[in-house]
Amino acid sequence: MTKVRVMLKCTLGPLARRKVERDFDDEVRFHLQMETENNLRKGMTEEEARNRALAQFGRVAAVKETCRETRSLPWMEVLWQELGFGMRMLRRSPGFAALTVLCLTLGIGASTSALSWLEVICVRRGAGRCRGRGRCRAGSEATAGSAGVAPRTLDGHNRN
């Protein structure tokens, strides 16, 4: 199986849980049945054979839990559960849900605009200046000045 398919199955695993659980139960039942038949061939009674098969297989619940952890991403299942719980809580109180969405929207918008201003003020204003001649490409002053050519700005025109 390719890595992409494995990741897709792990990610979307919680959505198809019933089918996977049914398939897994069938597989466990099949293994127990096969081991029971092997024990019956050895001359045990049916009850002894079943008990021995269960003992050899191990605790079914523990085996199921181990397989669940290996076939899916545990943190992804927890995330799905938490998202479901959060949606149920927001459905119970629509006013709170609207206020939450509004606060998140305003917070994200305000932080985006503040960071954009900081980028313009701190990063772009100081970087790329060519001694008062406007913005120019990085490194163009050294190479162009050494060749005796005036540096070019971003729009490609000389400013002399």
N, C-alpha and C. Protein backbone atom coordinates (compact mmCIF):
# COMPACT_ATOMS: atom_id res chain seq x y z
N MET A 1 0.84 -1.17 0.00
CA MET A 1 0.00 0.00 0.00
C MET A 1 0.89 1.24 0.00
N THR A 2 0.55 2.21 -0.80
CA THR A 2 1.37 3.40 -0.86
C THR A 2 1.17 4.23 0.41
N LYS A 3 2.11 5.13 0.63
CA LYS A 3 2.04 5.97 1.83
C LYS A 3 0.81 6.88 1.80
N VAL A 4 0.43 7.33 0.60
CA VAL A 4 -0.72 8.21 0.49
C VAL A 4 -2.00 7.47 0.88
N ARG A 5 -2.14 6.22 0.43
CA ARG A 5 -3.32 5.44 0.77
C ARG A 5 -3.36 5.16 2.27
N VAL A 6 -2.22 4.87 2.85
CA VAL A 6 -2.17 4.60 4.29
C VAL A 6 -2.60 5.85 5.06
N MET A 7 -2.05 7.01 4.68
CA MET A 7 -2.42 8.25 5.37
C MET A 7 -3.91 8.57 5.19
N LEU A 8 -4.43 8.32 3.97
CA LEU A 8 -5.83 8.57 3.71
C LEU A 8 -6.71 7.66 4.56
N LYS A 9 -6.34 6.38 4.65
CA LYS A 9 -7.11 5.45 5.48
C LYS A 9 -7.03 5.84 6.95
N CYS A 10 -5.85 6.26 7.40
CA CYS A 10 -5.71 6.65 8.80
C CYS A 10 -6.51 7.91 9.10
N THR A 11 -6.52 8.83 8.16
CA THR A 11 -7.22 10.09 8.38
C THR A 11 -8.73 9.91 8.34
N LEU A 12 -9.21 9.16 7.36
CA LEU A 12 -10.65 8.99 7.19
C LEU A 12 -11.18 7.76 7.90
N GLY A 13 -10.32 7.07 8.63
CA GLY A 13 -10.71 5.86 9.34
C GLY A 13 -11.89 6.03 10.28
N PRO A 14 -11.90 7.10 11.09
CA PRO A 14 -13.02 7.27 12.01
C PRO A 14 -14.37 7.41 11.31
N LEU A 15 -14.39 7.83 10.05
CA LEU A 15 -15.65 7.99 9.35
C LEU A 15 -16.25 6.64 8.93
N ALA A 16 -15.40 5.65 8.70
CA ALA A 16 -15.87 4.32 8.29
C ALA A 16 -15.69 3.31 9.41
N ARG A 17 -15.88 3.74 10.63
CA ARG A 17 -15.59 2.91 11.80
C ARG A 17 -16.46 1.66 11.86
N ARG A 18 -17.75 1.77 11.58
CA ARG A 18 -18.64 0.62 11.70
C ARG A 18 -18.23 -0.51 10.79
N LYS A 19 -17.94 -0.18 9.54
CA LYS A 19 -17.55 -1.22 8.59
C LYS A 19 -16.23 -1.87 9.01
N VAL A 20 -15.28 -1.06 9.44
CA VAL A 20 -13.98 -1.58 9.85
C VAL A 20 -14.14 -2.46 11.08
N GLU A 21 -14.95 -2.04 12.05
CA GLU A 21 -15.19 -2.83 13.24
C GLU A 21 -15.86 -4.17 12.90
N ARG A 22 -16.81 -4.13 11.98
CA ARG A 22 -17.49 -5.35 11.55
C ARG A 22 -16.51 -6.31 10.89
N ASP A 23 -15.67 -5.77 10.00
CA ASP A 23 -14.66 -6.60 9.34
C ASP A 23 -13.67 -7.19 10.35
N PHE A 24 -13.27 -6.37 11.31
CA PHE A 24 -12.33 -6.84 12.31
C PHE A 24 -12.95 -7.92 13.19
N ASP A 25 -14.21 -7.74 13.58
CA ASP A 25 -14.90 -8.77 14.37
C ASP A 25 -14.99 -10.09 13.60
N ASP A 26 -15.27 -10.00 12.30
CA ASP A 26 -15.32 -11.21 11.48
C ASP A 26 -13.96 -11.90 11.45
N GLU A 27 -12.90 -11.11 11.34
CA GLU A 27 -11.56 -11.69 11.29
C GLU A 27 -11.18 -12.36 12.61
N VAL A 28 -11.50 -11.71 13.72
CA VAL A 28 -11.21 -12.31 15.03
C VAL A 28 -12.00 -13.60 15.20
N ARG A 29 -13.29 -13.56 14.80
CA ARG A 29 -14.13 -14.75 14.89
C ARG A 29 -13.55 -15.88 14.04
N PHE A 30 -13.06 -15.54 12.85
CA PHE A 30 -12.48 -16.54 11.96
C PHE A 30 -11.24 -17.18 12.60
N HIS A 31 -10.36 -16.37 13.18
CA HIS A 31 -9.15 -16.90 13.81
C HIS A 31 -9.49 -17.81 14.99
N LEU A 32 -10.46 -17.38 15.80
CA LEU A 32 -10.86 -18.21 16.93
C LEU A 32 -11.49 -19.52 16.46
N GLN A 33 -12.29 -19.44 15.42
CA GLN A 33 -12.92 -20.65 14.88
C GLN A 33 -11.86 -21.62 14.34
N MET A 34 -10.87 -21.09 13.62
CA MET A 34 -9.81 -21.95 13.08
C MET A 34 -9.01 -22.60 14.21
N GLU A 35 -8.69 -21.85 15.24
CA GLU A 35 -7.94 -22.41 16.37
C GLU A 35 -8.78 -23.43 17.13
N THR A 36 -10.08 -23.16 17.26
CA THR A 36 -10.96 -24.12 17.90
C THR A 36 -11.01 -25.42 17.12
N GLU A 37 -11.10 -25.33 15.79
CA GLU A 37 -11.12 -26.54 14.94
C GLU A 37 -9.81 -27.32 15.08
N ASN A 38 -8.69 -26.63 15.15
CA ASN A 38 -7.40 -27.30 15.36
C ASN A 38 -7.38 -28.04 16.70
N ASN A 39 -7.93 -27.40 17.73
CA ASN A 39 -7.96 -28.04 19.04
C ASN A 39 -8.93 -29.23 19.05
N LEU A 40 -10.03 -29.14 18.31
CA LEU A 40 -10.97 -30.27 18.21
C LEU A 40 -10.29 -31.46 17.54
N ARG A 41 -9.46 -31.21 16.53
CA ARG A 41 -8.74 -32.29 15.86
C ARG A 41 -7.75 -32.99 16.80
N LYS A 42 -7.28 -32.24 17.80
CA LYS A 42 -6.34 -32.82 18.77
C LYS A 42 -7.06 -33.68 19.81
N GLY A 43 -8.39 -33.72 19.76
CA GLY A 43 -9.15 -34.59 20.65
C GLY A 43 -9.78 -33.89 21.84
N MET A 44 -9.82 -32.59 21.88
CA MET A 44 -10.44 -31.87 23.00
C MET A 44 -11.94 -31.80 22.79
N THR A 45 -12.66 -31.55 23.88
CA THR A 45 -14.09 -31.31 23.76
C THR A 45 -14.29 -29.92 23.18
N GLU A 46 -15.51 -29.65 22.76
CA GLU A 46 -15.76 -28.35 22.11
C GLU A 46 -15.53 -27.19 23.09
N GLU A 47 -15.94 -27.34 24.32
CA GLU A 47 -15.75 -26.27 25.31
C GLU A 47 -14.26 -26.07 25.63
N GLU A 48 -13.55 -27.18 25.79
CA GLU A 48 -12.10 -27.08 26.05
C GLU A 48 -11.38 -26.44 24.87
N ALA A 49 -11.77 -26.85 23.67
CA ALA A 49 -11.13 -26.32 22.46
C ALA A 49 -11.36 -24.81 22.35
N ARG A 50 -12.58 -24.37 22.64
CA ARG A 50 -12.89 -22.93 22.57
C ARG A 50 -12.10 -22.16 23.64
N ASN A 51 -12.06 -22.68 24.85
CA ASN A 51 -11.32 -22.02 25.94
C ASN A 51 -9.82 -21.95 25.63
N ARG A 52 -9.26 -23.02 25.08
CA ARG A 52 -7.84 -23.04 24.74
C ARG A 52 -7.57 -22.04 23.61
N ALA A 53 -8.49 -21.96 22.63
CA ALA A 53 -8.32 -21.01 21.52
C ALA A 53 -8.34 -19.58 22.04
N LEU A 54 -9.25 -19.29 22.96
CA LEU A 54 -9.30 -17.95 23.56
C LEU A 54 -8.04 -17.64 24.36
N ALA A 55 -7.53 -18.65 25.06
CA ALA A 55 -6.31 -18.45 25.86
C ALA A 55 -5.11 -18.21 24.95
N GLN A 56 -5.03 -18.94 23.83
CA GLN A 56 -3.90 -18.77 22.92
C GLN A 56 -3.99 -17.44 22.17
N PHE A 57 -5.21 -17.04 21.84
CA PHE A 57 -5.39 -15.79 21.09
C PHE A 57 -5.08 -14.59 21.96
N GLY A 58 -5.41 -14.67 23.23
CA GLY A 58 -5.21 -13.54 24.13
C GLY A 58 -6.54 -12.85 24.38
N ARG A 59 -6.49 -11.82 25.18
CA ARG A 59 -7.73 -11.08 25.47
C ARG A 59 -8.18 -10.38 24.20
N VAL A 60 -9.40 -10.66 23.79
CA VAL A 60 -9.91 -10.14 22.52
C VAL A 60 -9.98 -8.62 22.56
N ALA A 61 -10.42 -8.06 23.68
CA ALA A 61 -10.55 -6.60 23.78
C ALA A 61 -9.18 -5.92 23.66
N ALA A 62 -8.16 -6.51 24.29
CA ALA A 62 -6.82 -5.92 24.21
C ALA A 62 -6.26 -6.01 22.80
N VAL A 63 -6.51 -7.14 22.13
CA VAL A 63 -6.04 -7.29 20.75
C VAL A 63 -6.73 -6.28 19.84
N LYS A 64 -8.04 -6.10 20.04
CA LYS A 64 -8.78 -5.12 19.23
C LYS A 64 -8.24 -3.71 19.43
N GLU A 65 -7.98 -3.36 20.69
CA GLU A 65 -7.47 -2.01 20.98
C GLU A 65 -6.10 -1.80 20.35
N THR A 66 -5.25 -2.80 20.41
CA THR A 66 -3.91 -2.68 19.81
C THR A 66 -4.03 -2.49 18.30
N CYS A 67 -4.91 -3.25 17.67
CA CYS A 67 -5.09 -3.12 16.22
C CYS A 67 -5.70 -1.77 15.85
N ARG A 68 -6.62 -1.27 16.67
CA ARG A 68 -7.20 0.05 16.40
C ARG A 68 -6.12 1.13 16.42
N GLU A 69 -5.22 1.03 17.38
CA GLU A 69 -4.16 2.04 17.50
C GLU A 69 -3.19 1.97 16.32
N THR A 70 -2.94 0.78 15.79
CA THR A 70 -1.99 0.67 14.69
C THR A 70 -2.61 1.02 13.35
N ARG A 71 -3.91 0.86 13.20
CA ARG A 71 -4.50 1.12 11.89
C ARG A 71 -4.98 2.56 11.73
N SER A 72 -5.03 3.31 12.81
CA SER A 72 -5.47 4.70 12.70
C SER A 72 -4.53 5.60 13.49
N LEU A 73 -4.75 6.88 13.33
CA LEU A 73 -3.98 7.86 14.09
C LEU A 73 -4.80 8.21 15.33
N PRO A 74 -4.33 7.85 16.53
CA PRO A 74 -5.13 8.10 17.74
C PRO A 74 -5.47 9.58 17.92
N TRP A 75 -4.53 10.45 17.61
CA TRP A 75 -4.81 11.87 17.79
C TRP A 75 -5.88 12.34 16.81
N MET A 76 -5.98 11.69 15.64
CA MET A 76 -7.00 12.07 14.68
C MET A 76 -8.39 11.66 15.17
N GLU A 77 -8.47 10.48 15.80
CA GLU A 77 -9.75 10.05 16.36
C GLU A 77 -10.19 10.98 17.48
N VAL A 78 -9.23 11.38 18.31
CA VAL A 78 -9.56 12.31 19.40
C VAL A 78 -10.02 13.65 18.82
N LEU A 79 -9.36 14.09 17.75
CA LEU A 79 -9.75 15.35 17.11
C LEU A 79 -11.18 15.27 16.57
N TRP A 80 -11.52 14.16 15.91
CA TRP A 80 -12.89 13.98 15.39
C TRP A 80 -13.89 14.00 16.55
N GLN A 81 -13.58 13.32 17.65
CA GLN A 81 -14.48 13.31 18.80
C GLN A 81 -14.66 14.71 19.38
N GLU A 82 -13.56 15.43 19.50
CA GLU A 82 -13.63 16.78 20.06
C GLU A 82 -14.42 17.72 19.14
N LEU A 83 -14.21 17.59 17.83
CA LEU A 83 -14.96 18.43 16.89
C LEU A 83 -16.45 18.12 16.95
N GLY A 84 -16.78 16.85 17.05
CA GLY A 84 -18.20 16.47 17.17
C GLY A 84 -18.82 17.03 18.44
N PHE A 85 -18.08 16.92 19.55
CA PHE A 85 -18.57 17.45 20.81
C PHE A 85 -18.75 18.97 20.72
N GLY A 86 -17.77 19.64 20.13
CA GLY A 86 -17.86 21.10 19.99
C GLY A 86 -19.05 21.52 19.13
N MET A 87 -19.30 20.79 18.05
CA MET A 87 -20.45 21.12 17.19
C MET A 87 -21.77 20.91 17.93
N ARG A 88 -21.85 19.83 18.72
CA ARG A 88 -23.08 19.61 19.49
C ARG A 88 -23.31 20.73 20.50
N MET A 89 -22.24 21.19 21.13
CA MET A 89 -22.37 22.27 22.11
C MET A 89 -22.77 23.58 21.42
N LEU A 90 -22.20 23.84 20.25
CA LEU A 90 -22.55 25.07 19.53
C LEU A 90 -23.98 25.02 19.02
N ARG A 91 -24.48 23.83 18.67
CA ARG A 91 -25.87 23.70 18.22
C ARG A 91 -26.84 23.95 19.37
N ARG A 92 -26.43 23.64 20.58
CA ARG A 92 -27.31 23.86 21.73
C ARG A 92 -27.53 25.34 22.01
N SER A 93 -26.51 26.16 21.78
CA SER A 93 -26.64 27.59 22.05
C SER A 93 -26.19 28.38 20.82
N PRO A 94 -27.13 28.65 19.92
CA PRO A 94 -26.76 29.35 18.67
C PRO A 94 -26.28 30.78 18.89
N GLY A 95 -26.72 31.45 19.92
CA GLY A 95 -26.24 32.81 20.20
C GLY A 95 -24.76 32.81 20.54
N PHE A 96 -24.36 31.86 21.37
CA PHE A 96 -22.95 31.72 21.72
C PHE A 96 -22.13 31.36 20.49
N ALA A 97 -22.68 30.50 19.64
CA ALA A 97 -21.97 30.11 18.41
C ALA A 97 -21.75 31.32 17.52
N ALA A 98 -22.77 32.15 17.35
CA ALA A 98 -22.64 33.34 16.51
C ALA A 98 -21.60 34.29 17.10
N LEU A 99 -21.64 34.48 18.42
CA LEU A 99 -20.67 35.36 19.06
C LEU A 99 -19.25 34.82 18.93
N THR A 100 -19.09 33.50 19.03
CA THR A 100 -17.78 32.88 18.88
C THR A 100 -17.23 33.10 17.47
N VAL A 101 -18.08 32.87 16.47
CA VAL A 101 -17.64 33.05 15.08
C VAL A 101 -17.29 34.52 14.83
N LEU A 102 -18.08 35.43 15.35
CA LEU A 102 -17.81 36.86 15.18
C LEU A 102 -16.48 37.25 15.83
N CYS A 103 -16.24 36.78 17.05
CA CYS A 103 -14.97 37.10 17.74
C CYS A 103 -13.77 36.52 17.00
N LEU A 104 -13.89 35.28 16.53
CA LEU A 104 -12.79 34.69 15.78
C LEU A 104 -12.53 35.45 14.49
N THR A 105 -13.59 35.84 13.80
CA THR A 105 -13.43 36.59 12.55
C THR A 105 -12.74 37.92 12.80
N LEU A 106 -13.21 38.66 13.80
CA LEU A 106 -12.59 39.95 14.11
C LEU A 106 -11.14 39.79 14.57
N GLY A 107 -10.88 38.78 15.37
CA GLY A 107 -9.52 38.55 15.86
C GLY A 107 -8.56 38.20 14.74
N ILE A 108 -8.98 37.33 13.85
CA ILE A 108 -8.12 36.95 12.72
C ILE A 108 -7.91 38.13 11.79
N GLY A 109 -8.96 38.88 11.52
CA GLY A 109 -8.82 40.06 10.66
C GLY A 109 -7.91 41.11 11.26
N ALA A 110 -8.07 41.38 12.56
CA ALA A 110 -7.25 42.40 13.22
C ALA A 110 -5.78 41.98 13.25
N SER A 111 -5.52 40.72 13.56
CA SER A 111 -4.11 40.29 13.61
C SER A 111 -3.50 40.28 12.22
N THR A 112 -4.27 39.92 11.20
CA THR A 112 -3.75 39.94 9.84
C THR A 112 -3.40 41.36 9.40
N SER A 113 -4.29 42.30 9.67
CA SER A 113 -4.00 43.68 9.26
C SER A 113 -2.83 44.26 10.06
N ALA A 114 -2.74 43.95 11.35
CA ALA A 114 -1.63 44.47 12.15
C ALA A 114 -0.30 43.89 11.66
N LEU A 115 -0.28 42.62 11.36
CA LEU A 115 0.96 42.01 10.85
C LEU A 115 1.31 42.53 9.46
N SER A 116 0.31 42.82 8.64
CA SER A 116 0.59 43.40 7.33
C SER A 116 1.21 44.78 7.47
N TRP A 117 0.69 45.60 8.40
CA TRP A 117 1.27 46.92 8.64
C TRP A 117 2.70 46.79 9.13
N LEU A 118 2.93 45.86 10.06
CA LEU A 118 4.29 45.67 10.57
C LEU A 118 5.25 45.24 9.46
N GLU A 119 4.76 44.40 8.56
CA GLU A 119 5.62 43.98 7.46
C GLU A 119 5.98 45.18 6.58
N VAL A 120 5.02 46.01 6.27
CA VAL A 120 5.28 47.17 5.43
C VAL A 120 6.23 48.14 6.14
N ILE A 121 5.99 48.40 7.42
CA ILE A 121 6.78 49.38 8.14
C ILE A 121 8.20 48.87 8.42
N CYS A 122 8.31 47.65 8.92
CA CYS A 122 9.62 47.16 9.37
C CYS A 122 10.41 46.45 8.28
N VAL A 123 9.77 45.66 7.48
CA VAL A 123 10.50 44.82 6.54
C VAL A 123 10.70 45.52 5.20
N ARG A 124 9.64 45.96 4.61
CA ARG A 124 9.75 46.49 3.25
C ARG A 124 10.35 47.89 3.19
N ARG A 125 10.10 48.72 4.19
CA ARG A 125 10.58 50.09 4.12
C ARG A 125 12.11 50.14 4.18
N GLY A 126 12.71 49.35 5.05
CA GLY A 126 14.16 49.40 5.21
C GLY A 126 14.91 48.59 4.18
N ALA A 127 14.33 47.54 3.68
CA ALA A 127 15.04 46.63 2.77
C ALA A 127 14.96 47.13 1.33
N GLY A 128 16.05 47.00 0.61
CA GLY A 128 16.04 47.27 -0.82
C GLY A 128 16.14 48.72 -1.22
N ARG A 129 16.44 49.61 -0.29
CA ARG A 129 16.59 51.03 -0.66
C ARG A 129 17.93 51.24 -1.34
N CYS A 130 17.94 52.10 -2.35
CA CYS A 130 19.18 52.39 -3.07
C CYS A 130 19.54 53.86 -2.87
N ARG A 131 19.96 54.18 -1.69
CA ARG A 131 20.45 55.53 -1.36
C ARG A 131 19.51 56.64 -1.85
N GLY A 132 18.24 56.50 -1.47
CA GLY A 132 17.30 57.56 -1.80
C GLY A 132 16.78 57.53 -3.21
N ARG A 133 17.10 56.56 -4.00
CA ARG A 133 16.63 56.52 -5.39
C ARG A 133 15.42 55.60 -5.57
N GLY A 134 14.74 55.23 -4.49
CA GLY A 134 13.58 54.35 -4.61
C GLY A 134 14.00 52.90 -4.39
N ARG A 135 13.06 52.02 -4.60
CA ARG A 135 13.32 50.59 -4.37
C ARG A 135 14.09 50.01 -5.55
N CYS A 136 15.02 49.12 -5.25
CA CYS A 136 15.76 48.46 -6.31
C CYS A 136 15.94 47.00 -5.95
N ARG A 137 16.34 46.22 -6.91
CA ARG A 137 16.54 44.80 -6.68
C ARG A 137 17.70 44.57 -5.73
N ALA A 138 17.61 43.48 -4.99
CA ALA A 138 18.67 43.15 -4.05
C ALA A 138 19.94 42.84 -4.80
N GLY A 139 21.02 43.45 -4.39
CA GLY A 139 22.32 43.18 -5.00
C GLY A 139 22.56 43.96 -6.29
N SER A 140 21.58 44.69 -6.78
CA SER A 140 21.78 45.38 -8.05
C SER A 140 22.68 46.59 -7.89
N GLU A 141 22.72 47.18 -6.68
CA GLU A 141 23.54 48.37 -6.49
C GLU A 141 25.02 48.03 -6.61
N ALA A 142 25.41 46.92 -6.01
CA ALA A 142 26.84 46.57 -6.04
C ALA A 142 27.26 46.17 -7.45
N THR A 143 26.46 45.37 -8.12
CA THR A 143 26.87 44.91 -9.45
C THR A 143 26.73 46.01 -10.48
N ALA A 144 25.64 46.77 -10.40
CA ALA A 144 25.44 47.82 -11.40
C ALA A 144 26.41 48.97 -11.17
N GLY A 145 26.66 49.34 -9.90
CA GLY A 145 27.57 50.44 -9.61
C GLY A 145 28.99 50.12 -10.02
N SER A 146 29.37 48.87 -9.88
CA SER A 146 30.74 48.52 -10.23
C SER A 146 30.94 48.53 -11.75
N ALA A 147 29.87 48.33 -12.49
CA ALA A 147 29.99 48.32 -13.95
C ALA A 147 29.79 49.72 -14.52
N GLY A 148 29.48 50.70 -13.68
CA GLY A 148 29.28 52.05 -14.14
C GLY A 148 27.88 52.28 -14.69
N VAL A 149 26.95 51.41 -14.40
CA VAL A 149 25.57 51.53 -14.87
C VAL A 149 24.71 51.90 -13.68
N ALA A 150 23.75 52.77 -13.89
CA ALA A 150 22.86 53.17 -12.81
C ALA A 150 21.97 51.99 -12.40
N PRO A 151 21.70 51.83 -11.11
CA PRO A 151 20.85 50.73 -10.66
C PRO A 151 19.41 50.90 -11.16
N ARG A 152 18.74 49.78 -11.35
CA ARG A 152 17.35 49.80 -11.82
C ARG A 152 16.41 49.55 -10.65
N THR A 153 15.22 50.10 -10.73
CA THR A 153 14.20 49.84 -9.72
C THR A 153 13.43 48.60 -10.13
N LEU A 154 12.45 48.24 -9.32
CA LEU A 154 11.67 47.04 -9.60
C LEU A 154 10.90 47.13 -10.91
N ASP A 155 10.50 48.36 -11.29
CA ASP A 155 9.74 48.49 -12.55
C ASP A 155 10.66 48.49 -13.75
N GLY A 156 11.99 48.42 -13.57
CA GLY A 156 12.92 48.28 -14.67
C GLY A 156 13.46 49.58 -15.25
N HIS A 157 13.09 50.74 -14.67
CA HIS A 157 13.54 52.03 -15.21
C HIS A 157 14.70 52.57 -14.38
N ASN A 158 15.62 53.29 -15.06
CA ASN A 158 16.70 53.95 -14.35
C ASN A 158 16.15 55.21 -13.70
N ARG A 159 16.66 55.54 -12.53
CA ARG A 159 16.18 56.74 -11.80
C ARG A 159 17.23 57.82 -11.77
N ASN A 160 17.92 58.09 -12.81
CA ASN A 160 18.95 59.12 -12.83
C ASN A 160 18.51 60.31 -13.60
